[in-house]
Amino acid sequence: MLEEQLLKLFPLHMREKLRQADIDQQALEEIRVRAGQPLMFLYDDREHFFDEAQGRLGVEQKHAYRMQTADLEEMVSFLCSYSIYAYEEQLRMGYLTLRGGHRVGVAGEVALQLGRIVRLQHIYFLNIRIAHEKKGCAQPLVNAVRDANGIYNTLILSPPGVGKTTYLRDAIRILSEGDAGHAGMKVGVVDERSELGAGYLGIPQNDLGPRTDVLEGAGKSEGIYMLLRSMSPQVIAVDELGAKDDFEAVTRAFHSGCRLIGTLHGESIDSLQHICGFFNWSGKGEIGRFVVLEKDVQGHRSMCVYDSRMELIKHVQ
């Protein structure tokens, strides 16, 4: 069953029907809401549709309830506490974060000023991403990247949807907590899009550990510099590196004696050469471990661990 917070996102006329539907929130990944299109629930990348007449989910799109523009308007009003202007800056970034860590991506028509997005309006597309903390999933990863000084500088690669953000989040928690053989480390998290801590009113909703400081909403390069100046982290954690400025800031972290654990998009170790600026980046020799996450057709995940020369040293199932 959907929790009450998620049910309340939907229009009044739908809530009781969705409450009675057989919706497994524990396995649910996303809810896709589009004006004029079927209401869609995603489990393991498989689409299910809400059959209003039957009051349940089904795989037949022809029986699906189609969301009306009035439905979306009611949902957006509720999300913004009936004051869309109060949430204008968050909407401009393309998402809202709910209590409990759930995130709602938004899309629609943008208003431009001097070529820059200043406002998102006529919002008729929502992507409700269901928060799941998978504690312990990153333990093999952390074991593979530890060294005598804590951890190697580490980059985690995977295509979208494989789980690199989930693994990074759990790795932050493990490093922060420590264990019987390893002292906990001070971790500074640059959470540009609130995907790691899932902050609500500045408080992370996800467990990132007792020695973790979170800077939410800042760009990656600015956030790295700010944390280095203010919080004396032993490890900087950042999701979805890629821009030239990001890598320059990472180099600054290396020179400050701080270790890095971060993610970037990539299909394989070979795909690094296609990442803008990577092979012109002066700090690439500082990376001691590259971890490539993989997911097979059954949804099982594994990882390949490479050393600083990008030679395979371990394959973890």
Protein backbone atom coordinates (compact mmCIF):
# COMPACT_ATOMS: atom_id res chain seq x y z
CA MET A 1 0.00 0.00 0.00
CA LEU A 2 1.13 3.55 -0.70
CA GLU A 3 1.93 5.56 2.41
CA GLU A 4 -0.37 8.44 3.23
CA GLN A 5 2.14 11.09 2.19
CA LEU A 6 2.24 9.73 -1.35
CA LEU A 7 -1.52 9.20 -1.54
CA LYS A 8 -2.06 12.85 -0.67
CA LEU A 9 -0.14 13.89 -3.77
CA PHE A 10 -3.04 12.68 -5.90
CA PRO A 11 -6.38 14.41 -6.49
CA LEU A 12 -9.08 13.77 -3.91
CA HIS A 13 -11.19 11.66 -6.28
CA MET A 14 -8.29 9.19 -6.75
CA ARG A 15 -6.94 8.74 -3.23
CA GLU A 16 -9.30 6.11 -1.88
CA LYS A 17 -9.09 4.05 -5.07
CA LEU A 18 -5.30 4.12 -4.96
CA ARG A 19 -5.39 3.26 -1.26
CA GLN A 20 -7.38 0.10 -2.04
CA ALA A 21 -5.22 -0.88 -5.02
CA ASP A 22 -2.55 -3.52 -4.60
CA ILE A 23 0.46 -1.20 -4.84
CA ASP A 24 3.67 -2.56 -3.33
CA GLN A 25 5.58 0.54 -2.26
CA GLN A 26 8.57 -1.51 -1.08
CA ALA A 27 9.27 -2.58 -4.66
CA LEU A 28 8.00 0.55 -6.39
CA GLU A 29 10.64 2.70 -8.11
CA GLU A 30 8.75 5.50 -9.86
CA ILE A 31 5.29 6.87 -10.51
CA ARG A 32 4.98 8.67 -13.85
CA VAL A 33 2.24 11.27 -14.17
CA ARG A 34 1.64 12.97 -17.52
CA ALA A 35 -1.34 15.07 -18.60
CA GLY A 36 -3.52 13.14 -21.02
CA GLN A 37 -1.48 9.96 -20.59
CA PRO A 38 -1.88 6.77 -18.51
CA LEU A 39 -0.88 6.87 -14.85
CA MET A 40 2.16 4.60 -14.73
CA PHE A 41 3.89 2.70 -11.92
CA LEU A 42 7.39 1.29 -12.52
CA TYR A 43 8.68 -1.87 -10.83
CA ASP A 44 12.12 -3.19 -11.95
CA ASP A 45 11.84 -1.08 -15.14
CA ARG A 46 8.48 -2.74 -15.95
CA GLU A 47 5.40 -0.59 -16.49
CA HIS A 48 2.10 -1.10 -14.68
CA PHE A 49 -1.01 0.99 -15.18
CA PHE A 50 -3.80 2.01 -12.82
CA ASP A 51 -7.08 0.45 -13.93
CA GLU A 52 -9.63 2.72 -12.25
CA ALA A 53 -12.61 0.50 -13.09
CA GLN A 54 -10.99 -2.56 -11.49
CA GLY A 55 -9.28 -0.60 -8.73
CA ARG A 56 -5.91 -2.27 -9.29
CA LEU A 57 -2.72 -2.17 -11.31
CA GLY A 58 -2.51 -4.03 -14.58
CA VAL A 59 -0.23 -4.38 -17.57
CA GLU A 60 -2.85 -3.41 -20.17
CA GLN A 61 -2.45 0.21 -21.16
CA LYS A 62 -5.86 0.37 -22.82
CA HIS A 63 -7.60 0.10 -19.43
CA ALA A 64 -5.41 2.69 -17.74
CA TYR A 65 -6.71 5.85 -16.13
CA ARG A 66 -5.51 8.88 -18.08
CA MET A 67 -4.49 11.86 -16.01
CA GLN A 68 -6.38 15.07 -16.77
CA THR A 69 -4.87 18.55 -16.77
CA ALA A 70 -7.06 19.36 -13.75
CA ASP A 71 -5.51 16.36 -11.94
CA LEU A 72 -2.01 17.71 -12.54
CA GLU A 73 -2.98 21.20 -11.47
CA GLU A 74 -4.38 19.85 -8.20
CA MET A 75 -1.26 17.76 -7.61
CA VAL A 76 1.12 20.68 -8.26
CA SER A 77 -0.93 22.94 -5.99
CA PHE A 78 -0.69 20.40 -3.18
CA LEU A 79 3.05 19.88 -3.74
CA CYS A 80 3.62 23.63 -3.47
CA SER A 81 1.33 24.06 -0.44
CA TYR A 82 -0.97 26.10 -2.68
CA SER A 83 1.69 28.78 -3.21
CA ILE A 84 3.66 27.99 -6.35
CA TYR A 85 5.65 31.21 -6.02
CA ALA A 86 7.09 30.09 -2.68
CA TYR A 87 8.60 27.06 -4.45
CA GLU A 88 9.70 28.88 -7.60
CA GLU A 89 13.43 28.38 -7.05
CA GLN A 90 13.07 24.65 -6.40
CA LEU A 91 10.81 24.25 -9.40
CA ARG A 92 13.36 26.08 -11.54
CA MET A 93 15.84 23.36 -10.56
CA GLY A 94 13.35 20.75 -11.78
CA TYR A 95 12.40 18.91 -8.62
CA LEU A 96 10.84 19.02 -5.16
CA THR A 97 11.87 16.85 -2.21
CA LEU A 98 9.26 15.41 0.15
CA ARG A 99 9.53 14.38 3.77
CA GLY A 100 10.93 10.85 3.81
CA GLY A 101 13.25 11.49 0.89
CA HIS A 102 10.85 10.96 -2.01
CA ARG A 103 11.59 13.30 -4.92
CA VAL A 104 9.21 14.72 -7.49
CA GLY A 105 10.76 15.69 -10.81
CA VAL A 106 8.78 18.28 -12.73
CA ALA A 107 8.61 19.37 -16.37
CA GLY A 108 6.49 21.68 -18.45
CA GLU A 109 6.92 25.06 -20.08
CA VAL A 110 9.85 27.24 -19.04
CA ALA A 111 10.07 31.02 -19.01
CA LEU A 112 13.41 32.37 -20.22
CA GLN A 113 15.23 35.60 -19.50
CA LEU A 114 18.43 36.31 -21.43
CA GLY A 115 18.54 32.64 -22.36
CA ARG A 116 18.35 31.46 -18.72
CA ILE A 117 15.48 29.55 -17.15
CA VAL A 118 13.86 31.83 -14.58
CA ARG A 119 10.59 29.99 -14.02
CA LEU A 120 8.87 26.69 -14.71
CA GLN A 121 5.20 27.08 -15.50
CA HIS A 122 2.32 24.98 -16.86
CA ILE A 123 3.65 21.90 -15.07
CA TYR A 124 1.99 18.85 -16.59
CA PHE A 125 4.65 16.16 -16.17
CA LEU A 126 5.70 14.62 -12.84
CA ASN A 127 8.13 11.85 -11.98
CA ILE A 128 7.66 10.68 -8.39
CA ARG A 129 10.81 8.78 -7.41
CA ILE A 130 10.28 6.53 -4.41
CA ALA A 131 13.05 6.71 -1.83
CA HIS A 132 14.59 3.41 -0.75
CA GLU A 133 17.56 3.13 1.56
CA LYS A 134 19.43 -0.11 0.81
CA LYS A 135 21.71 -0.27 3.80
CA GLY A 136 24.64 -2.62 3.36
CA CYS A 137 24.55 -2.74 -0.43
CA ALA A 138 27.83 -0.79 -0.72
CA GLN A 139 29.82 -2.83 1.81
CA PRO A 140 31.64 -4.84 -0.92
CA LEU A 141 32.40 -1.58 -2.72
CA VAL A 142 33.82 0.06 0.40
CA ASN A 143 35.88 -3.04 1.17
CA ALA A 144 37.35 -2.86 -2.34
CA VAL A 145 38.40 0.79 -2.12
CA ARG A 146 39.87 0.98 1.38
CA ASP A 147 43.56 1.71 1.83
CA ALA A 148 45.87 2.51 4.74
CA ASN A 149 44.74 6.15 4.78
CA GLY A 150 41.01 5.44 4.68
CA ILE A 151 40.03 5.00 1.04
CA TYR A 152 41.55 5.40 -2.38
CA ASN A 153 40.24 8.28 -4.44
CA THR A 154 37.37 6.48 -6.14
CA LEU A 155 35.12 7.04 -9.14
CA ILE A 156 31.97 4.92 -9.52
CA LEU A 157 30.65 4.49 -13.07
CA SER A 158 27.37 3.14 -14.37
CA PRO A 159 24.63 3.96 -16.85
CA PRO A 160 21.46 5.59 -15.47
CA GLY A 161 19.21 3.28 -13.47
CA VAL A 162 21.87 0.81 -12.30
CA GLY A 163 22.23 2.27 -8.82
CA LYS A 164 25.39 4.36 -8.52
CA THR A 165 23.65 7.02 -6.41
CA THR A 166 22.22 4.33 -4.08
CA TYR A 167 25.67 2.76 -3.72
CA LEU A 168 27.31 6.14 -3.11
CA ARG A 169 24.74 7.01 -0.45
CA ASP A 170 25.35 3.76 1.43
CA ALA A 171 29.14 4.09 1.04
CA ILE A 172 28.92 7.53 2.69
CA ARG A 173 27.04 6.00 5.63
CA ILE A 174 29.52 3.12 6.02
CA LEU A 175 32.58 5.41 5.90
CA SER A 176 30.98 7.84 8.34
CA GLU A 177 29.98 5.17 10.85
CA GLY A 178 33.18 3.14 10.72
CA ASP A 179 33.35 -0.37 12.12
CA ALA A 180 35.46 -2.55 14.39
CA GLY A 181 38.42 -2.42 12.01
CA HIS A 182 38.08 1.12 10.67
CA ALA A 183 37.52 4.43 12.41
CA GLY A 184 34.64 6.56 11.19
CA MET A 185 35.63 9.35 8.81
CA LYS A 186 34.44 12.94 8.44
CA VAL A 187 32.56 13.01 5.14
CA GLY A 188 31.53 16.19 3.35
CA VAL A 189 28.66 15.65 0.91
CA VAL A 190 27.96 18.02 -1.97
CA ASP A 191 24.27 17.27 -2.54
CA GLU A 192 23.47 19.50 -5.49
CA ARG A 193 20.11 17.94 -6.30
CA SER A 194 19.28 16.53 -2.88
CA GLU A 195 19.56 12.96 -4.17
CA LEU A 196 21.97 11.70 -1.52
CA GLY A 197 20.61 13.12 1.71
CA ALA A 198 17.11 13.84 0.36
CA GLY A 199 17.00 16.97 2.47
CA TYR A 200 13.69 18.29 3.74
CA LEU A 201 13.95 21.83 5.14
CA GLY A 202 17.71 21.32 5.30
CA ILE A 203 17.62 18.04 7.27
CA PRO A 204 18.73 14.86 5.42
CA GLN A 205 15.97 12.26 5.39
CA ASN A 206 18.40 9.48 4.48
CA ASP A 207 20.91 8.09 6.96
CA LEU A 208 24.34 9.37 5.88
CA GLY A 209 26.08 8.53 9.15
CA PRO A 210 27.09 10.44 12.31
CA ARG A 211 30.22 12.14 10.91
CA THR A 212 28.70 13.49 7.71
CA ASP A 213 28.13 17.15 6.83
CA VAL A 214 25.79 17.92 3.93
CA LEU A 215 25.84 20.98 1.68
CA GLU A 216 22.58 20.94 -0.21
CA GLY A 217 21.73 22.88 -3.34
CA ALA A 218 25.24 24.12 -4.17
CA GLY A 219 26.89 23.34 -7.48
CA LYS A 220 29.55 20.65 -7.32
CA SER A 221 32.62 22.83 -7.79
CA GLU A 222 31.40 25.61 -5.46
CA GLY A 223 30.28 23.02 -2.92
CA ILE A 224 33.62 21.24 -2.87
CA TYR A 225 35.48 24.51 -2.24
CA MET A 226 33.04 25.52 0.50
CA LEU A 227 33.28 22.22 2.36
CA LEU A 228 37.08 22.25 2.16
CA ARG A 229 37.14 25.72 3.72
CA SER A 230 34.53 25.18 6.38
CA MET A 231 34.16 21.55 7.46
CA SER A 232 37.65 19.94 7.24
CA PRO A 233 36.38 16.71 5.64
CA GLN A 234 38.54 13.64 5.29
CA VAL A 235 36.40 12.49 2.37
CA ILE A 236 34.42 14.51 -0.16
CA ALA A 237 31.43 12.69 -1.70
CA VAL A 238 29.78 14.02 -4.85
CA ASP A 239 27.30 12.58 -7.31
CA GLU A 240 27.44 12.85 -11.11
CA LEU A 241 30.72 14.56 -11.87
CA GLY A 242 31.27 15.54 -15.48
CA ALA A 243 31.95 19.24 -16.07
CA LYS A 244 35.46 20.64 -16.38
CA ASP A 245 34.92 22.81 -13.28
CA ASP A 246 33.96 19.70 -11.29
CA PHE A 247 37.28 18.02 -12.01
CA GLU A 248 39.26 21.18 -11.25
CA ALA A 249 37.56 21.36 -7.85
CA VAL A 250 38.30 17.68 -7.26
CA THR A 251 41.99 18.37 -7.95
CA ARG A 252 41.87 21.08 -5.29
CA ALA A 253 40.49 18.51 -2.86
CA PHE A 254 43.38 16.15 -3.65
CA HIS A 255 45.90 18.92 -2.96
CA SER A 256 44.17 19.63 0.36
CA GLY A 257 44.79 16.07 1.53
CA CYS A 258 41.13 15.10 1.19
CA ARG A 259 39.97 11.85 -0.41
CA LEU A 260 37.19 11.66 -3.00
CA ILE A 261 34.40 9.22 -3.67
CA GLY A 262 32.19 10.26 -6.57
CA THR A 263 30.09 9.01 -9.44
CA LEU A 264 29.79 9.71 -13.13
CA HIS A 265 27.83 8.32 -16.04
CA GLY A 266 29.61 5.61 -18.02
CA GLU A 267 28.83 2.27 -19.63
CA SER A 268 32.28 0.77 -19.04
CA ILE A 269 35.85 1.62 -18.14
CA ASP A 270 36.47 2.38 -21.81
CA SER A 271 33.75 5.02 -21.80
CA LEU A 272 35.93 7.30 -19.66
CA GLN A 273 37.72 8.48 -22.78
CA HIS A 274 34.41 9.92 -24.02
CA ILE A 275 33.77 11.96 -20.89
CA CYS A 276 34.35 15.63 -21.66
CA GLY A 277 37.75 16.72 -20.40
CA PHE A 278 38.61 13.53 -18.55
CA PHE A 279 41.82 12.69 -20.35
CA ASN A 280 42.94 16.33 -20.27
CA TRP A 281 42.35 16.39 -16.53
CA SER A 282 45.61 16.79 -14.62
CA GLY A 283 44.28 14.97 -11.56
CA LYS A 284 43.28 11.71 -13.20
CA GLY A 285 46.44 10.01 -11.97
CA GLU A 286 45.23 10.59 -8.41
CA ILE A 287 42.31 8.17 -8.84
CA GLY A 288 43.25 4.89 -7.21
CA ARG A 289 40.07 2.91 -7.89
CA PHE A 290 37.48 2.90 -10.62
CA VAL A 291 34.33 0.88 -9.90
CA VAL A 292 31.98 -0.02 -12.75
CA LEU A 293 28.50 -1.11 -11.64
CA GLU A 294 26.57 -3.51 -13.86
CA LYS A 295 23.03 -4.92 -13.88
CA ASP A 296 22.00 -8.04 -15.79
CA VAL A 297 18.61 -8.73 -17.38
CA GLN A 298 17.35 -10.30 -14.13
CA GLY A 299 18.20 -7.13 -12.24
CA HIS A 300 21.18 -8.63 -10.38
CA ARG A 301 24.00 -6.16 -9.78
CA SER A 302 27.74 -6.73 -9.79
CA MET A 303 30.83 -4.55 -9.90
CA CYS A 304 34.20 -4.54 -11.62
CA VAL A 305 37.01 -2.82 -9.70
CA TYR A 306 39.97 -1.30 -11.58
CA ASP A 307 43.23 0.14 -10.29
CA SER A 308 44.78 3.50 -11.16
CA ARG A 309 46.03 2.08 -14.50
CA MET A 310 42.46 1.02 -15.29
CA GLU A 311 43.39 -2.64 -15.08
CA LEU A 312 40.80 -5.02 -13.68
CA ILE A 313 41.70 -6.24 -10.20
CA LYS A 314 38.40 -7.64 -8.88
CA HIS A 315 34.95 -8.68 -10.04
CA VAL A 316 32.37 -8.75 -7.25
CA GLN A 317 29.04 -10.52 -7.81
